[in-house]
Amino acid sequence: MTKVTGKEIAAGVLKNFDVVIFSGGSGSKESAAIGEAGRENVRQFVREGGGYIGICAGAYLACTGFSWGVGVLNAKTVSSKWKRGKGNVEIEFLPPAREAAGLDAGKKTIRYANGPIITSDKKEGIAPFETLAFFRTELAENDSPKGAMTGSPAIVRGAFGKGRVISSGPHPEQTDGMEGFIEHAVRWVAARTK
């Protein structure tokens, strides 16, 4: 694993890698750090077969529903009120989560910190995403809409060109018992689609 800067991504460093991971923080700040050239480089990287993993802020960044997003996941948020709160929530993994994330089907508690609540964006030319886990409980602080989180996709996977994408609103990498998520996700997104 190598940490790279936004300037390096804008300069084309991703051609040296198989997978890029954007983690927590602020999706719009990550976008500003890589700039328009970096956003296009990320799109090209995934389109040509690179893997993309977005967690929390990186999941926002993946979406097509933001002018500042990289647009590798055909998704948008259900509300502009993103500050839902921080804490543990319950999600339910579906059987495909085993293949993509190494996690068995069933309900589990996971750390959440204002990650995106998404729905399909229906952009032409981009495949729809597949849900790996749904939110089963919610946080709805700061006047964020109640009921929007429960039943919404929590972790999804998709394809963009020849590349693969995994997007997670919550933080499996910071949750006991889900430590293998990143390794499994990297292996899944690194396998190019045909």
N, C-alpha and C. Protein backbone atom coordinates (compact mmCIF):
# COMPACT_ATOMS: atom_id res chain seq x y z
N MET A 1 0.85 -1.17 0.00
CA MET A 1 0.00 0.00 0.00
C MET A 1 0.89 1.23 0.00
N THR A 2 0.50 2.22 -0.78
CA THR A 2 1.25 3.46 -0.88
C THR A 2 0.30 4.63 -0.74
N LYS A 3 0.63 5.57 0.13
CA LYS A 3 -0.18 6.78 0.27
C LYS A 3 0.23 7.75 -0.83
N VAL A 4 -0.75 8.26 -1.56
CA VAL A 4 -0.45 9.25 -2.61
C VAL A 4 -1.23 10.52 -2.31
N THR A 5 -0.76 11.62 -2.86
CA THR A 5 -1.40 12.92 -2.64
C THR A 5 -2.36 13.24 -3.77
N GLY A 6 -3.19 14.22 -3.53
CA GLY A 6 -4.09 14.70 -4.57
C GLY A 6 -3.33 15.19 -5.79
N LYS A 7 -2.23 15.88 -5.57
CA LYS A 7 -1.41 16.36 -6.69
C LYS A 7 -0.85 15.20 -7.51
N GLU A 8 -0.46 14.14 -6.83
CA GLU A 8 0.05 12.96 -7.55
C GLU A 8 -1.04 12.29 -8.37
N ILE A 9 -2.25 12.23 -7.82
CA ILE A 9 -3.37 11.65 -8.58
C ILE A 9 -3.66 12.52 -9.80
N ALA A 10 -3.64 13.84 -9.63
CA ALA A 10 -3.86 14.76 -10.75
C ALA A 10 -2.76 14.61 -11.81
N ALA A 11 -1.56 14.22 -11.38
CA ALA A 11 -0.44 14.07 -12.31
C ALA A 11 -0.40 12.69 -12.97
N GLY A 12 -1.29 11.77 -12.57
CA GLY A 12 -1.37 10.49 -13.25
C GLY A 12 -0.75 9.30 -12.54
N VAL A 13 -0.49 9.40 -11.25
CA VAL A 13 0.19 8.33 -10.51
C VAL A 13 -0.61 7.01 -10.49
N LEU A 14 -1.92 7.08 -10.66
CA LEU A 14 -2.73 5.86 -10.55
C LEU A 14 -2.35 4.80 -11.57
N LYS A 15 -1.72 5.17 -12.67
CA LYS A 15 -1.32 4.18 -13.68
C LYS A 15 -0.35 3.15 -13.11
N ASN A 16 0.24 3.44 -11.95
CA ASN A 16 1.19 2.54 -11.31
C ASN A 16 0.52 1.57 -10.32
N PHE A 17 -0.82 1.61 -10.22
CA PHE A 17 -1.52 0.84 -9.21
C PHE A 17 -2.67 0.04 -9.80
N ASP A 18 -3.18 -0.90 -9.02
CA ASP A 18 -4.33 -1.70 -9.41
C ASP A 18 -5.62 -1.21 -8.76
N VAL A 19 -5.52 -0.61 -7.57
CA VAL A 19 -6.68 -0.22 -6.78
C VAL A 19 -6.40 1.13 -6.12
N VAL A 20 -7.43 1.97 -6.04
CA VAL A 20 -7.34 3.20 -5.27
C VAL A 20 -8.40 3.14 -4.18
N ILE A 21 -8.04 3.60 -2.98
CA ILE A 21 -8.96 3.64 -1.84
C ILE A 21 -9.08 5.09 -1.38
N PHE A 22 -10.31 5.58 -1.33
CA PHE A 22 -10.58 6.88 -0.74
C PHE A 22 -11.32 6.61 0.56
N SER A 23 -10.77 7.08 1.67
CA SER A 23 -11.32 6.77 2.99
C SER A 23 -12.17 7.91 3.52
N GLY A 24 -12.37 7.93 4.82
CA GLY A 24 -13.23 8.91 5.47
C GLY A 24 -12.64 10.31 5.47
N GLY A 25 -13.46 11.26 5.88
CA GLY A 25 -13.08 12.67 5.92
C GLY A 25 -14.19 13.50 5.31
N SER A 26 -13.90 14.15 4.21
CA SER A 26 -14.88 14.96 3.48
C SER A 26 -14.76 14.64 1.99
N GLY A 27 -15.83 14.18 1.39
CA GLY A 27 -15.81 13.86 -0.03
C GLY A 27 -15.51 15.07 -0.89
N SER A 28 -16.12 16.21 -0.56
CA SER A 28 -15.87 17.42 -1.36
C SER A 28 -14.43 17.91 -1.19
N LYS A 29 -13.85 17.74 -0.01
CA LYS A 29 -12.45 18.12 0.18
C LYS A 29 -11.51 17.16 -0.55
N GLU A 30 -11.85 15.87 -0.56
CA GLU A 30 -11.06 14.92 -1.34
C GLU A 30 -11.11 15.31 -2.81
N SER A 31 -12.29 15.68 -3.29
CA SER A 31 -12.46 16.12 -4.67
C SER A 31 -11.62 17.35 -4.97
N ALA A 32 -11.66 18.33 -4.07
CA ALA A 32 -10.88 19.55 -4.27
C ALA A 32 -9.38 19.25 -4.28
N ALA A 33 -8.97 18.29 -3.45
CA ALA A 33 -7.54 17.95 -3.37
C ALA A 33 -7.01 17.33 -4.66
N ILE A 34 -7.86 16.56 -5.36
CA ILE A 34 -7.39 15.95 -6.61
C ILE A 34 -7.70 16.82 -7.82
N GLY A 35 -8.64 17.77 -7.68
CA GLY A 35 -8.97 18.68 -8.76
C GLY A 35 -9.64 17.99 -9.94
N GLU A 36 -10.00 18.77 -10.94
CA GLU A 36 -10.68 18.21 -12.11
C GLU A 36 -9.81 17.21 -12.84
N ALA A 37 -8.50 17.50 -12.96
CA ALA A 37 -7.61 16.54 -13.63
C ALA A 37 -7.55 15.23 -12.87
N GLY A 38 -7.52 15.30 -11.56
CA GLY A 38 -7.50 14.09 -10.74
C GLY A 38 -8.80 13.32 -10.84
N ARG A 39 -9.94 14.03 -10.86
CA ARG A 39 -11.23 13.35 -11.00
C ARG A 39 -11.29 12.60 -12.33
N GLU A 40 -10.82 13.24 -13.40
CA GLU A 40 -10.81 12.57 -14.70
C GLU A 40 -9.84 11.39 -14.69
N ASN A 41 -8.70 11.55 -14.02
CA ASN A 41 -7.72 10.44 -13.93
C ASN A 41 -8.32 9.25 -13.18
N VAL A 42 -9.09 9.51 -12.13
CA VAL A 42 -9.73 8.43 -11.38
C VAL A 42 -10.74 7.73 -12.29
N ARG A 43 -11.57 8.51 -12.99
CA ARG A 43 -12.55 7.91 -13.91
C ARG A 43 -11.86 7.05 -14.97
N GLN A 44 -10.80 7.58 -15.55
CA GLN A 44 -10.07 6.83 -16.59
C GLN A 44 -9.44 5.57 -16.00
N PHE A 45 -8.87 5.67 -14.82
CA PHE A 45 -8.25 4.54 -14.13
C PHE A 45 -9.26 3.40 -13.95
N VAL A 46 -10.46 3.73 -13.44
CA VAL A 46 -11.47 2.71 -13.22
C VAL A 46 -12.03 2.22 -14.56
N ARG A 47 -12.31 3.13 -15.47
CA ARG A 47 -12.85 2.76 -16.78
C ARG A 47 -11.95 1.73 -17.47
N GLU A 48 -10.65 1.86 -17.29
CA GLU A 48 -9.68 0.97 -17.95
C GLU A 48 -9.37 -0.29 -17.16
N GLY A 49 -10.05 -0.48 -16.02
CA GLY A 49 -9.90 -1.73 -15.27
C GLY A 49 -9.38 -1.61 -13.87
N GLY A 50 -9.12 -0.40 -13.39
CA GLY A 50 -8.66 -0.22 -12.01
C GLY A 50 -9.80 -0.41 -11.03
N GLY A 51 -9.46 -0.72 -9.79
CA GLY A 51 -10.45 -0.90 -8.74
C GLY A 51 -10.58 0.36 -7.90
N TYR A 52 -11.79 0.62 -7.41
CA TYR A 52 -12.08 1.79 -6.57
C TYR A 52 -12.81 1.31 -5.32
N ILE A 53 -12.29 1.68 -4.16
CA ILE A 53 -12.97 1.45 -2.89
C ILE A 53 -13.19 2.81 -2.24
N GLY A 54 -14.43 3.11 -1.91
CA GLY A 54 -14.76 4.36 -1.23
C GLY A 54 -15.45 4.06 0.08
N ILE A 55 -14.94 4.62 1.15
CA ILE A 55 -15.53 4.44 2.48
C ILE A 55 -15.91 5.80 3.03
N CYS A 56 -17.16 5.95 3.40
CA CYS A 56 -17.70 7.18 3.97
C CYS A 56 -17.48 8.35 3.00
N ALA A 57 -16.51 9.22 3.22
CA ALA A 57 -16.26 10.33 2.29
C ALA A 57 -15.92 9.81 0.90
N GLY A 58 -15.16 8.73 0.83
CA GLY A 58 -14.83 8.13 -0.46
C GLY A 58 -16.04 7.57 -1.18
N ALA A 59 -17.07 7.19 -0.40
CA ALA A 59 -18.33 6.72 -0.99
C ALA A 59 -19.10 7.90 -1.59
N TYR A 60 -19.09 9.06 -0.89
CA TYR A 60 -19.67 10.27 -1.48
C TYR A 60 -18.95 10.60 -2.79
N LEU A 61 -17.62 10.57 -2.76
CA LEU A 61 -16.81 10.93 -3.92
C LEU A 61 -17.11 10.05 -5.12
N ALA A 62 -17.43 8.78 -4.91
CA ALA A 62 -17.70 7.84 -6.00
C ALA A 62 -18.96 8.18 -6.78
N CYS A 63 -19.93 8.83 -6.14
CA CYS A 63 -21.27 9.02 -6.71
C CYS A 63 -21.30 9.90 -7.95
N THR A 64 -22.27 9.59 -8.83
CA THR A 64 -22.54 10.42 -9.99
C THR A 64 -23.38 11.64 -9.63
N GLY A 65 -24.02 11.62 -8.47
CA GLY A 65 -24.98 12.66 -8.10
C GLY A 65 -24.40 13.96 -7.59
N PHE A 66 -23.09 14.15 -7.67
CA PHE A 66 -22.45 15.39 -7.24
C PHE A 66 -21.63 15.96 -8.39
N SER A 67 -21.67 17.26 -8.58
CA SER A 67 -20.86 17.87 -9.63
C SER A 67 -19.37 17.67 -9.35
N TRP A 68 -19.01 17.50 -8.08
CA TRP A 68 -17.61 17.33 -7.70
C TRP A 68 -17.22 15.86 -7.55
N GLY A 69 -18.15 14.94 -7.76
CA GLY A 69 -17.84 13.52 -7.62
C GLY A 69 -17.05 12.98 -8.80
N VAL A 70 -16.45 11.80 -8.62
CA VAL A 70 -15.73 11.17 -9.72
C VAL A 70 -16.68 10.39 -10.62
N GLY A 71 -17.88 10.08 -10.14
CA GLY A 71 -18.91 9.50 -10.98
C GLY A 71 -18.65 8.08 -11.45
N VAL A 72 -18.08 7.24 -10.59
CA VAL A 72 -17.85 5.84 -10.95
C VAL A 72 -18.91 4.91 -10.38
N LEU A 73 -19.84 5.46 -9.61
CA LEU A 73 -20.94 4.69 -9.03
C LEU A 73 -22.24 5.39 -9.38
N ASN A 74 -23.17 4.68 -10.00
CA ASN A 74 -24.43 5.25 -10.47
C ASN A 74 -25.37 5.47 -9.28
N ALA A 75 -25.04 6.47 -8.46
CA ALA A 75 -25.76 6.71 -7.21
C ALA A 75 -25.79 8.19 -6.88
N LYS A 76 -26.82 8.55 -6.11
CA LYS A 76 -26.93 9.90 -5.56
C LYS A 76 -27.45 9.77 -4.14
N THR A 77 -27.31 10.82 -3.35
CA THR A 77 -27.80 10.77 -1.98
C THR A 77 -29.29 11.11 -1.95
N VAL A 78 -29.97 10.59 -0.95
CA VAL A 78 -31.42 10.81 -0.85
C VAL A 78 -31.75 12.17 -0.24
N SER A 79 -30.77 12.81 0.37
CA SER A 79 -30.99 14.11 1.00
C SER A 79 -29.69 14.89 1.02
N SER A 80 -29.80 16.21 0.95
CA SER A 80 -28.61 17.05 1.06
C SER A 80 -28.15 17.19 2.51
N LYS A 81 -28.97 16.74 3.46
CA LYS A 81 -28.61 16.82 4.88
C LYS A 81 -27.78 15.60 5.25
N TRP A 82 -26.48 15.73 5.17
CA TRP A 82 -25.55 14.62 5.34
C TRP A 82 -25.16 14.39 6.80
N LYS A 83 -25.32 15.36 7.66
CA LYS A 83 -24.81 15.27 9.04
C LYS A 83 -25.80 14.50 9.91
N ARG A 84 -25.87 13.18 9.71
CA ARG A 84 -26.85 12.33 10.38
C ARG A 84 -26.42 11.92 11.78
N GLY A 85 -25.11 11.98 12.07
CA GLY A 85 -24.62 11.59 13.37
C GLY A 85 -23.56 10.51 13.30
N LYS A 86 -22.99 10.21 14.45
CA LYS A 86 -21.94 9.21 14.56
C LYS A 86 -22.31 8.22 15.65
N GLY A 87 -22.09 6.94 15.37
CA GLY A 87 -22.40 5.91 16.36
C GLY A 87 -22.54 4.57 15.67
N ASN A 88 -23.01 3.61 16.41
CA ASN A 88 -23.22 2.28 15.84
C ASN A 88 -24.63 2.15 15.30
N VAL A 89 -24.74 1.48 14.15
CA VAL A 89 -26.04 1.16 13.56
C VAL A 89 -26.01 -0.32 13.17
N GLU A 90 -27.18 -0.85 12.89
CA GLU A 90 -27.28 -2.24 12.45
C GLU A 90 -27.44 -2.27 10.93
N ILE A 91 -26.68 -3.16 10.29
CA ILE A 91 -26.85 -3.39 8.87
C ILE A 91 -27.07 -4.89 8.65
N GLU A 92 -27.62 -5.22 7.50
CA GLU A 92 -27.82 -6.62 7.16
C GLU A 92 -27.09 -6.92 5.87
N PHE A 93 -26.09 -7.81 5.97
CA PHE A 93 -25.34 -8.25 4.80
C PHE A 93 -26.15 -9.27 4.02
N LEU A 94 -26.09 -9.19 2.71
CA LEU A 94 -26.73 -10.12 1.79
C LEU A 94 -25.71 -11.14 1.32
N PRO A 95 -26.12 -12.28 0.75
CA PRO A 95 -25.16 -13.31 0.33
C PRO A 95 -24.02 -12.84 -0.58
N PRO A 96 -24.23 -11.89 -1.53
CA PRO A 96 -23.09 -11.45 -2.36
C PRO A 96 -21.96 -10.78 -1.57
N ALA A 97 -22.22 -10.36 -0.33
CA ALA A 97 -21.18 -9.72 0.49
C ALA A 97 -20.05 -10.69 0.80
N ARG A 98 -20.33 -11.99 0.79
CA ARG A 98 -19.29 -12.99 1.05
C ARG A 98 -18.20 -12.91 -0.02
N GLU A 99 -18.62 -12.88 -1.28
CA GLU A 99 -17.67 -12.83 -2.39
C GLU A 99 -16.90 -11.51 -2.44
N ALA A 100 -17.61 -10.40 -2.28
CA ALA A 100 -16.99 -9.09 -2.48
C ALA A 100 -16.29 -8.54 -1.25
N ALA A 101 -16.77 -8.89 -0.06
CA ALA A 101 -16.24 -8.27 1.15
C ALA A 101 -15.83 -9.27 2.23
N GLY A 102 -16.02 -10.57 1.98
CA GLY A 102 -15.62 -11.58 2.95
C GLY A 102 -16.49 -11.62 4.19
N LEU A 103 -17.71 -11.10 4.10
CA LEU A 103 -18.59 -11.05 5.26
C LEU A 103 -19.85 -11.87 5.00
N ASP A 104 -20.22 -12.70 5.97
CA ASP A 104 -21.36 -13.59 5.83
C ASP A 104 -22.68 -12.83 5.93
N ALA A 105 -23.70 -13.37 5.27
CA ALA A 105 -25.04 -12.79 5.33
C ALA A 105 -25.54 -12.76 6.76
N GLY A 106 -26.30 -11.74 7.08
CA GLY A 106 -26.88 -11.60 8.41
C GLY A 106 -26.73 -10.20 8.94
N LYS A 107 -27.36 -9.93 10.09
CA LYS A 107 -27.31 -8.60 10.70
C LYS A 107 -26.08 -8.45 11.57
N LYS A 108 -25.47 -7.26 11.47
CA LYS A 108 -24.28 -6.95 12.27
C LYS A 108 -24.31 -5.47 12.66
N THR A 109 -23.67 -5.17 13.76
CA THR A 109 -23.52 -3.79 14.20
C THR A 109 -22.25 -3.23 13.58
N ILE A 110 -22.31 -1.99 13.10
CA ILE A 110 -21.19 -1.38 12.40
C ILE A 110 -21.07 0.09 12.80
N ARG A 111 -19.86 0.62 12.74
CA ARG A 111 -19.63 2.04 13.05
C ARG A 111 -20.08 2.90 11.87
N TYR A 112 -20.76 3.98 12.20
CA TYR A 112 -21.26 4.91 11.18
C TYR A 112 -20.87 6.32 11.59
N ALA A 113 -20.47 7.16 10.60
CA ALA A 113 -20.06 8.54 10.89
C ALA A 113 -20.42 9.46 9.72
N ASN A 114 -21.71 9.71 9.55
CA ASN A 114 -22.20 10.64 8.52
C ASN A 114 -21.97 10.19 7.08
N GLY A 115 -21.87 8.90 6.84
CA GLY A 115 -21.70 8.40 5.48
C GLY A 115 -22.93 8.61 4.63
N PRO A 116 -22.80 8.43 3.31
CA PRO A 116 -23.93 8.71 2.42
C PRO A 116 -25.06 7.70 2.52
N ILE A 117 -26.27 8.21 2.39
CA ILE A 117 -27.47 7.39 2.25
C ILE A 117 -27.84 7.52 0.77
N ILE A 118 -27.69 6.43 0.02
CA ILE A 118 -27.78 6.53 -1.43
C ILE A 118 -29.01 5.84 -2.01
N THR A 119 -29.27 6.21 -3.25
CA THR A 119 -30.27 5.57 -4.09
C THR A 119 -29.71 5.59 -5.51
N SER A 120 -30.33 4.86 -6.42
CA SER A 120 -29.87 4.83 -7.80
C SER A 120 -29.99 6.21 -8.43
N ASP A 121 -29.01 6.56 -9.29
CA ASP A 121 -29.04 7.83 -10.00
C ASP A 121 -29.53 7.65 -11.44
N LYS A 122 -29.46 6.44 -11.97
CA LYS A 122 -29.98 6.11 -13.31
C LYS A 122 -29.29 6.91 -14.42
N LYS A 123 -27.99 7.11 -14.32
CA LYS A 123 -27.22 7.76 -15.39
C LYS A 123 -27.02 6.76 -16.53
N GLU A 124 -27.24 7.20 -17.73
CA GLU A 124 -27.04 6.34 -18.89
C GLU A 124 -25.57 6.01 -19.06
N GLY A 125 -25.30 4.77 -19.48
CA GLY A 125 -23.93 4.35 -19.75
C GLY A 125 -23.18 3.86 -18.53
N ILE A 126 -23.79 3.90 -17.35
CA ILE A 126 -23.15 3.40 -16.14
C ILE A 126 -24.05 2.31 -15.56
N ALA A 127 -23.47 1.15 -15.29
CA ALA A 127 -24.25 0.03 -14.76
C ALA A 127 -24.85 0.38 -13.41
N PRO A 128 -26.04 -0.15 -13.10
CA PRO A 128 -26.59 0.05 -11.76
C PRO A 128 -25.76 -0.71 -10.73
N PHE A 129 -25.79 -0.24 -9.50
CA PHE A 129 -25.04 -0.92 -8.44
C PHE A 129 -25.85 -2.08 -7.89
N GLU A 130 -25.14 -2.99 -7.20
CA GLU A 130 -25.76 -4.11 -6.50
C GLU A 130 -25.54 -3.90 -5.01
N THR A 131 -26.59 -4.06 -4.23
CA THR A 131 -26.49 -3.86 -2.78
C THR A 131 -25.90 -5.10 -2.11
N LEU A 132 -24.89 -4.87 -1.27
CA LEU A 132 -24.27 -5.93 -0.47
C LEU A 132 -24.80 -5.93 0.95
N ALA A 133 -25.24 -4.77 1.43
CA ALA A 133 -25.78 -4.65 2.80
C ALA A 133 -26.74 -3.48 2.85
N PHE A 134 -27.80 -3.64 3.64
CA PHE A 134 -28.79 -2.58 3.86
C PHE A 134 -28.67 -2.07 5.29
N PHE A 135 -28.94 -0.78 5.51
CA PHE A 135 -29.10 -0.24 6.86
C PHE A 135 -30.40 -0.79 7.43
N ARG A 136 -30.38 -1.26 8.68
CA ARG A 136 -31.59 -1.74 9.34
C ARG A 136 -31.99 -0.85 10.51
N THR A 137 -31.08 0.01 10.98
CA THR A 137 -31.42 1.05 11.96
C THR A 137 -30.80 2.34 11.44
N GLU A 138 -31.08 3.43 12.14
CA GLU A 138 -30.57 4.70 11.62
C GLU A 138 -30.18 5.67 12.71
N LEU A 139 -29.41 6.65 12.29
CA LEU A 139 -29.15 7.87 13.04
C LEU A 139 -29.78 8.98 12.22
N ALA A 140 -30.47 9.91 12.86
CA ALA A 140 -31.14 11.00 12.13
C ALA A 140 -31.07 12.27 12.97
N GLU A 141 -29.85 12.74 13.21
CA GLU A 141 -29.64 13.95 14.00
C GLU A 141 -29.61 15.17 13.08
N ASN A 142 -29.55 16.35 13.68
CA ASN A 142 -29.34 17.61 12.96
C ASN A 142 -30.39 17.86 11.87
N ASP A 143 -31.65 17.54 12.16
CA ASP A 143 -32.75 17.74 11.23
C ASP A 143 -32.62 16.95 9.93
N SER A 144 -31.81 15.88 9.95
CA SER A 144 -31.76 15.02 8.77
C SER A 144 -33.06 14.21 8.73
N PRO A 145 -33.51 13.83 7.53
CA PRO A 145 -34.82 13.18 7.43
C PRO A 145 -34.87 11.82 8.11
N LYS A 146 -35.84 11.66 8.99
CA LYS A 146 -36.06 10.38 9.67
C LYS A 146 -36.65 9.38 8.68
N GLY A 147 -36.22 8.12 8.78
CA GLY A 147 -36.73 7.07 7.91
C GLY A 147 -35.99 6.92 6.60
N ALA A 148 -35.09 7.85 6.28
CA ALA A 148 -34.36 7.78 5.01
C ALA A 148 -33.27 6.72 5.04
N MET A 149 -32.72 6.44 6.20
CA MET A 149 -31.58 5.54 6.31
C MET A 149 -32.01 4.07 6.36
N THR A 150 -32.99 3.76 7.19
CA THR A 150 -33.43 2.38 7.36
C THR A 150 -33.97 1.83 6.04
N GLY A 151 -33.40 0.70 5.60
CA GLY A 151 -33.80 0.08 4.34
C GLY A 151 -33.03 0.56 3.13
N SER A 152 -32.14 1.56 3.32
CA SER A 152 -31.31 2.06 2.22
C SER A 152 -30.03 1.24 2.11
N PRO A 153 -29.42 1.22 0.92
CA PRO A 153 -28.15 0.51 0.76
C PRO A 153 -27.06 1.09 1.66
N ALA A 154 -26.34 0.23 2.36
CA ALA A 154 -25.23 0.64 3.22
C ALA A 154 -23.89 0.40 2.52
N ILE A 155 -23.76 -0.76 1.88
CA ILE A 155 -22.54 -1.13 1.15
C ILE A 155 -22.98 -1.69 -0.19
N VAL A 156 -22.36 -1.21 -1.27
CA VAL A 156 -22.75 -1.63 -2.62
C VAL A 156 -21.51 -1.93 -3.45
N ARG A 157 -21.74 -2.61 -4.57
CA ARG A 157 -20.67 -2.80 -5.54
C ARG A 157 -21.23 -2.50 -6.93
N GLY A 158 -20.32 -2.14 -7.83
CA GLY A 158 -20.74 -1.82 -9.18
C GLY A 158 -19.58 -1.94 -10.14
N ALA A 159 -19.88 -1.65 -11.40
CA ALA A 159 -18.87 -1.66 -12.45
C ALA A 159 -18.87 -0.31 -13.14
N PHE A 160 -17.70 0.10 -13.57
CA PHE A 160 -17.55 1.33 -14.34
C PHE A 160 -16.54 1.02 -15.43
N GLY A 161 -16.99 0.94 -16.66
CA GLY A 161 -16.11 0.48 -17.73
C GLY A 161 -15.64 -0.92 -17.44
N LYS A 162 -14.33 -1.12 -17.48
CA LYS A 162 -13.74 -2.43 -17.17
C LYS A 162 -13.41 -2.58 -15.69
N GLY A 163 -13.62 -1.53 -14.92
CA GLY A 163 -13.24 -1.55 -13.51
C GLY A 163 -14.39 -1.88 -12.59
N ARG A 164 -14.03 -2.13 -11.34
CA ARG A 164 -15.00 -2.47 -10.29
C ARG A 164 -14.93 -1.47 -9.15
N VAL A 165 -16.08 -1.31 -8.49
CA VAL A 165 -16.23 -0.32 -7.42
C VAL A 165 -16.91 -0.97 -6.22
N ILE A 166 -16.41 -0.70 -5.03
CA ILE A 166 -17.13 -1.00 -3.78
C ILE A 166 -17.23 0.30 -3.01
N SER A 167 -18.44 0.59 -2.56
CA SER A 167 -18.73 1.82 -1.83
C SER A 167 -19.41 1.48 -0.52
N SER A 168 -18.89 2.02 0.58
CA SER A 168 -19.44 1.75 1.90
C SER A 168 -19.73 3.06 2.63
N GLY A 169 -21.01 3.28 2.96
CA GLY A 169 -21.37 4.45 3.77
C GLY A 169 -20.84 4.34 5.19
N PRO A 170 -21.00 3.19 5.85
CA PRO A 170 -20.44 3.01 7.20
C PRO A 170 -18.97 2.58 7.15
N HIS A 171 -18.40 2.32 8.33
CA HIS A 171 -16.97 2.03 8.48
C HIS A 171 -16.71 0.59 8.92
N PRO A 172 -16.72 -0.38 8.01
CA PRO A 172 -16.38 -1.75 8.41
C PRO A 172 -14.93 -1.87 8.87
N GLU A 173 -14.05 -1.06 8.31
CA GLU A 173 -12.63 -1.13 8.67
C GLU A 173 -12.37 -0.67 10.10
N GLN A 174 -13.35 -0.02 10.72
CA GLN A 174 -13.23 0.45 12.10
C GLN A 174 -14.15 -0.32 13.04
N THR A 175 -14.62 -1.48 12.59
CA THR A 175 -15.60 -2.26 13.36
C THR A 175 -15.03 -3.63 13.70
N ASP A 176 -15.05 -3.98 14.99
CA ASP A 176 -14.58 -5.30 15.42
C ASP A 176 -15.31 -6.40 14.66
N GLY A 177 -14.54 -7.38 14.19
CA GLY A 177 -15.10 -8.50 13.46
C GLY A 177 -15.18 -8.28 11.96
N MET A 178 -14.88 -7.07 11.51
CA MET A 178 -14.92 -6.78 10.07
C MET A 178 -13.55 -6.36 9.53
N GLU A 179 -12.51 -6.71 10.25
CA GLU A 179 -11.16 -6.28 9.90
C GLU A 179 -10.72 -6.76 8.52
N GLY A 180 -11.28 -7.86 8.04
CA GLY A 180 -10.89 -8.38 6.74
C GLY A 180 -11.57 -7.72 5.56
N PHE A 181 -12.47 -6.76 5.83
CA PHE A 181 -13.22 -6.12 4.75
C PHE A 181 -12.32 -5.54 3.67
N ILE A 182 -11.34 -4.74 4.06
CA ILE A 182 -10.48 -4.06 3.07
C ILE A 182 -9.76 -5.08 2.20
N GLU A 183 -9.15 -6.08 2.81
CA GLU A 183 -8.42 -7.08 2.02
C GLU A 183 -9.35 -7.76 1.00
N HIS A 184 -10.52 -8.19 1.43
CA HIS A 184 -11.45 -8.84 0.51
C HIS A 184 -11.94 -7.88 -0.57
N ALA A 185 -12.24 -6.65 -0.18
CA ALA A 185 -12.71 -5.66 -1.14
C ALA A 185 -11.63 -5.37 -2.18
N VAL A 186 -10.38 -5.25 -1.73
CA VAL A 186 -9.27 -5.01 -2.67
C VAL A 186 -9.17 -6.16 -3.67
N ARG A 187 -9.24 -7.37 -3.17
CA ARG A 187 -9.14 -8.52 -4.08
C ARG A 187 -10.29 -8.54 -5.08
N TRP A 188 -11.51 -8.17 -4.63
CA TRP A 188 -12.64 -8.19 -5.54
C TRP A 188 -12.54 -7.08 -6.59
N VAL A 189 -12.24 -5.85 -6.18
CA VAL A 189 -12.17 -4.77 -7.16
C VAL A 189 -10.98 -4.88 -8.09
N ALA A 190 -9.94 -5.58 -7.64
CA ALA A 190 -8.73 -5.73 -8.49
C ALA A 190 -8.97 -6.68 -9.66
N ALA A 191 -10.01 -7.49 -9.61
CA ALA A 191 -10.33 -8.41 -10.71
C ALA A 191 -11.14 -7.63 -11.73
N ARG A 192 -10.55 -7.40 -12.89
CA ARG A 192 -11.21 -6.60 -13.92
C ARG A 192 -12.42 -7.29 -14.51
N THR A 193 -13.43 -6.50 -14.87
CA THR A 193 -14.58 -7.07 -15.57
C THR A 193 -14.20 -7.26 -17.03
N LYS A 194 -14.91 -8.12 -17.71
CA LYS A 194 -14.59 -8.42 -19.12
C LYS A 194 -15.34 -7.50 -20.06
